[in-house]
Amino acid sequence: GMPGALVPAAAVLSCVVPALERPWKAALSRTCTGRVLTVGPGLKTGIPVHYDDPAEIGPDRIADAVAARAVYGSPCIVIDLGTTTNIEVIDTHGTFVGGVIAPGLALGARSLSAAAARLPQVEPSAPTHVIGRNTREAMRSGVVLGEVARIDGMLDMVLAEMRATKAAGEGDVPIVITGDDAEALAALVGHSLTVDDALTLRGLAELYRINQKPRRV
């Protein structure tokens, strides 16, 4: 390593690609002086989970839920924008009760271009108006404003179900958004959202803290 460089003492890994988990863990083990934790079955989360098979929940979703509960309290909704748009729901008791997984912005843009040979690749940036005056504008509107409409509509339905099942408690439910282009999308979504770019990292830090072995005196 570099002279005078800080050597990490420990690491916590969240990997959603199973084939990459082992090589990453091996690399981190060589870099760190202490433990390398992997988010997954067997790791304490400190959060009750009501999910048919908890092992099925992606480690990024676990990290988001843990961070949201620690930082924003219960109940709480998280939106994480990436390859997929994930919505996670923490109920009034602080339980992770499940959520919604939909195709993400970039996936939507790519699938449009891939499915129709004459359609150009489109950058998912915010359109200036809804009705596109050319193909590229029309696609940008469909991809970006379509995603905004999906998020707003899904939030309406999620909140309605939370209220119907008493999972929302009294008053407003904080809604946190993180991930790719969170700030840009939050500005377009009708619901009031808190942008937290570091949410997943906060969750990993919290998971590491929860899983610290007590020091022997």
Protein backbone atom coordinates (compact mmCIF):
# COMPACT_ATOMS: atom_id res chain seq x y z
CA GLY A 1 0.00 0.00 0.00
CA MET A 2 0.90 3.68 -0.13
CA PRO A 3 3.20 4.88 2.66
CA GLY A 4 1.14 6.68 5.28
CA ALA A 5 -2.12 5.43 3.72
CA LEU A 6 -4.89 4.52 6.14
CA VAL A 7 -5.54 0.78 6.26
CA PRO A 8 -9.24 0.01 6.78
CA ALA A 9 -9.84 -1.93 9.99
CA ALA A 10 -13.02 -3.63 8.81
CA ALA A 11 -15.61 -3.66 6.04
CA VAL A 12 -19.25 -4.45 5.41
CA LEU A 13 -20.22 -5.68 1.94
CA SER A 14 -23.61 -5.41 0.23
CA CYS A 15 -23.53 -7.27 -3.09
CA VAL A 16 -26.60 -7.90 -5.24
CA VAL A 17 -24.67 -10.01 -7.82
CA PRO A 18 -24.11 -13.43 -6.18
CA ALA A 19 -21.15 -14.34 -8.46
CA LEU A 20 -19.25 -11.22 -7.37
CA GLU A 21 -19.78 -11.62 -3.63
CA ARG A 22 -16.91 -14.08 -3.05
CA PRO A 23 -14.21 -12.18 -5.05
CA TRP A 24 -15.19 -8.89 -3.36
CA LYS A 25 -15.10 -10.49 0.06
CA ALA A 26 -11.68 -12.00 -0.67
CA ALA A 27 -10.32 -8.64 -1.87
CA LEU A 28 -11.69 -6.84 1.20
CA SER A 29 -10.26 -9.52 3.52
CA ARG A 30 -6.81 -8.88 2.04
CA THR A 31 -7.22 -5.10 2.47
CA CYS A 32 -8.69 -4.95 5.98
CA THR A 33 -6.96 -5.74 9.24
CA GLY A 34 -10.20 -6.91 10.89
CA ARG A 35 -13.56 -8.50 10.03
CA VAL A 36 -15.38 -8.36 6.72
CA LEU A 37 -19.15 -8.70 7.12
CA THR A 38 -21.53 -9.55 4.29
CA VAL A 39 -25.16 -8.40 4.39
CA GLY A 40 -27.32 -11.50 4.09
CA PRO A 41 -28.71 -14.44 6.06
CA GLY A 42 -26.97 -14.80 9.43
CA LEU A 43 -26.22 -11.11 9.87
CA LYS A 44 -28.15 -9.42 12.70
CA THR A 45 -30.25 -6.52 11.33
CA GLY A 46 -31.95 -5.34 14.53
CA ILE A 47 -35.17 -4.98 12.53
CA PRO A 48 -38.12 -7.42 12.52
CA VAL A 49 -38.96 -8.60 8.99
CA HIS A 50 -42.43 -9.70 7.84
CA TYR A 51 -41.50 -11.20 4.48
CA ASP A 52 -42.36 -14.70 3.21
CA ASP A 53 -38.67 -15.56 2.81
CA PRO A 54 -36.37 -12.99 4.48
CA ALA A 55 -33.33 -14.54 2.71
CA GLU A 56 -34.88 -13.35 -0.58
CA ILE A 57 -34.58 -9.64 0.29
CA GLY A 58 -31.67 -7.95 -1.49
CA PRO A 59 -28.89 -6.68 0.81
CA ASP A 60 -29.33 -3.12 -0.50
CA ARG A 61 -33.01 -3.23 0.53
CA ILE A 62 -32.05 -4.45 4.02
CA ALA A 63 -29.45 -1.66 4.37
CA ASP A 64 -32.00 0.97 3.23
CA ALA A 65 -34.63 -0.27 5.69
CA VAL A 66 -32.17 -0.38 8.61
CA ALA A 67 -30.93 3.17 7.86
CA ALA A 68 -34.40 4.62 7.33
CA ARG A 69 -35.66 3.21 10.63
CA ALA A 70 -32.56 4.47 12.49
CA VAL A 71 -32.56 7.97 10.94
CA TYR A 72 -36.21 8.72 10.10
CA GLY A 73 -38.08 6.53 12.58
CA SER A 74 -41.18 4.39 12.18
CA PRO A 75 -43.30 4.38 10.09
CA CYS A 76 -41.25 5.30 7.03
CA ILE A 77 -41.13 4.72 3.26
CA VAL A 78 -37.89 4.45 1.25
CA ILE A 79 -37.55 4.86 -2.52
CA ASP A 80 -34.22 3.59 -3.91
CA LEU A 81 -33.52 4.38 -7.57
CA GLY A 82 -31.16 2.08 -9.45
CA THR A 83 -31.48 -0.70 -12.03
CA THR A 84 -34.81 -1.25 -10.31
CA THR A 85 -36.95 1.30 -8.51
CA ASN A 86 -37.49 -0.18 -5.04
CA ILE A 87 -40.01 1.05 -2.50
CA GLU A 88 -39.51 -0.27 1.05
CA VAL A 89 -42.10 0.03 3.82
CA ILE A 90 -41.40 0.21 7.56
CA ASP A 91 -44.59 0.10 9.62
CA THR A 92 -45.48 1.96 12.80
CA HIS A 93 -43.90 -0.85 14.91
CA GLY A 94 -40.55 -0.52 13.11
CA THR A 95 -41.10 -3.75 11.16
CA PHE A 96 -39.94 -4.12 7.54
CA VAL A 97 -43.21 -5.24 5.98
CA GLY A 98 -42.17 -5.48 2.31
CA GLY A 99 -42.42 -3.20 -0.67
CA VAL A 100 -42.51 -2.72 -4.42
CA ILE A 101 -39.92 -3.54 -7.11
CA ALA A 102 -40.33 -1.93 -10.54
CA PRO A 103 -38.01 -1.43 -13.53
CA GLY A 104 -35.72 1.59 -13.02
CA LEU A 105 -35.25 4.69 -15.19
CA ALA A 106 -32.21 3.50 -17.14
CA LEU A 107 -33.80 0.07 -17.65
CA GLY A 108 -36.91 1.77 -19.04
CA ALA A 109 -34.85 3.89 -21.44
CA ARG A 110 -32.79 0.91 -22.62
CA SER A 111 -35.76 -1.39 -23.09
CA LEU A 112 -37.55 1.24 -25.22
CA SER A 113 -34.52 1.61 -27.52
CA ALA A 114 -33.93 -2.13 -27.65
CA ALA A 115 -37.53 -3.04 -28.46
CA ALA A 116 -38.01 -0.57 -31.33
CA ALA A 117 -35.22 -0.35 -33.90
CA ARG A 118 -36.15 3.18 -35.04
CA LEU A 119 -36.14 4.70 -31.56
CA PRO A 120 -32.93 6.46 -30.48
CA GLN A 121 -31.09 5.90 -27.19
CA VAL A 122 -32.42 8.55 -24.80
CA GLU A 123 -30.79 10.13 -21.78
CA PRO A 124 -33.11 10.00 -18.76
CA SER A 125 -33.04 13.73 -18.04
CA ALA A 126 -36.05 15.86 -17.13
CA PRO A 127 -38.18 16.97 -20.11
CA THR A 128 -39.32 20.59 -20.31
CA HIS A 129 -42.85 19.58 -21.32
CA VAL A 130 -45.01 16.47 -21.27
CA ILE A 131 -46.02 16.44 -24.94
CA GLY A 132 -42.84 15.69 -26.90
CA ARG A 133 -42.49 17.43 -30.29
CA ASN A 134 -40.04 14.85 -31.64
CA THR A 135 -39.27 11.19 -30.99
CA ARG A 136 -36.43 11.86 -28.55
CA GLU A 137 -38.55 14.34 -26.54
CA ALA A 138 -41.54 11.98 -26.55
CA MET A 139 -39.36 9.12 -25.26
CA ARG A 140 -37.79 11.28 -22.58
CA SER A 141 -41.27 12.26 -21.43
CA GLY A 142 -42.39 8.62 -21.40
CA VAL A 143 -39.34 7.38 -19.52
CA VAL A 144 -38.80 10.21 -17.00
CA LEU A 145 -42.31 11.53 -16.42
CA GLY A 146 -43.61 7.95 -16.66
CA GLU A 147 -41.28 7.06 -13.77
CA VAL A 148 -42.44 10.13 -11.82
CA ALA A 149 -46.08 9.16 -12.40
CA ARG A 150 -45.32 5.59 -11.33
CA ILE A 151 -43.63 6.75 -8.12
CA ASP A 152 -46.46 9.17 -7.28
CA GLY A 153 -49.13 6.57 -8.08
CA MET A 154 -47.36 3.79 -6.18
CA LEU A 155 -46.90 6.07 -3.15
CA ASP A 156 -50.64 6.87 -3.20
CA MET A 157 -51.44 3.15 -3.22
CA VAL A 158 -48.80 2.22 -0.62
CA LEU A 159 -49.97 4.98 1.76
CA ALA A 160 -53.64 3.99 1.25
CA GLU A 161 -52.80 0.35 2.09
CA MET A 162 -50.71 1.40 5.11
CA ARG A 163 -53.61 3.48 6.45
CA ALA A 164 -56.12 0.70 5.78
CA THR A 165 -53.96 -1.85 7.64
CA LYS A 166 -53.08 0.62 10.44
CA ALA A 167 -49.38 0.34 9.42
CA ALA A 168 -49.08 4.13 8.96
CA GLY A 169 -50.00 5.22 12.49
CA GLU A 170 -51.26 8.79 12.89
CA GLY A 171 -50.10 11.75 10.81
CA ASP A 172 -47.66 11.94 7.91
CA VAL A 173 -45.29 9.12 6.96
CA PRO A 174 -41.76 10.36 6.10
CA ILE A 175 -40.74 9.38 2.55
CA VAL A 176 -37.00 9.17 1.82
CA ILE A 177 -35.51 8.91 -1.68
CA THR A 178 -31.98 7.73 -2.49
CA GLY A 179 -29.99 6.38 -5.44
CA ASP A 180 -29.45 7.46 -9.06
CA ASP A 181 -30.80 10.95 -9.89
CA ALA A 182 -32.71 11.08 -6.57
CA GLU A 183 -32.52 14.88 -6.37
CA ALA A 184 -33.75 15.43 -9.95
CA LEU A 185 -36.66 13.01 -9.55
CA ALA A 186 -37.62 14.29 -6.10
CA ALA A 187 -38.10 17.75 -7.67
CA LEU A 188 -40.64 16.29 -10.14
CA VAL A 189 -42.54 13.95 -7.80
CA GLY A 190 -45.72 15.42 -6.25
CA HIS A 191 -45.22 13.85 -2.81
CA SER A 192 -42.89 15.60 -0.39
CA LEU A 193 -39.66 13.58 -0.32
CA THR A 194 -36.44 13.82 1.69
CA VAL A 195 -33.35 13.22 -0.49
CA ASP A 196 -30.68 11.17 1.29
CA ASP A 197 -27.88 10.13 -1.08
CA ALA A 198 -25.99 8.29 1.67
CA LEU A 199 -28.93 6.21 2.96
CA THR A 200 -27.61 2.79 1.87
CA LEU A 201 -24.13 3.59 3.25
CA ARG A 202 -25.67 4.73 6.55
CA GLY A 203 -27.49 1.38 6.69
CA LEU A 204 -24.26 -0.54 6.11
CA ALA A 205 -22.53 1.42 8.89
CA GLU A 206 -25.48 0.70 11.22
CA LEU A 207 -25.40 -3.03 10.30
CA TYR A 208 -21.68 -3.11 11.07
CA ARG A 209 -22.33 -1.43 14.44
CA ILE A 210 -25.10 -3.91 15.34
CA ASN A 211 -22.84 -6.88 14.49
CA GLN A 212 -19.79 -5.77 16.49
CA LYS A 213 -18.61 -8.50 18.84
CA PRO A 214 -18.30 -7.13 22.37
CA ARG A 215 -14.65 -6.72 23.38
CA ARG A 216 -13.44 -9.13 26.05
CA VAL A 217 -12.29 -7.25 29.13
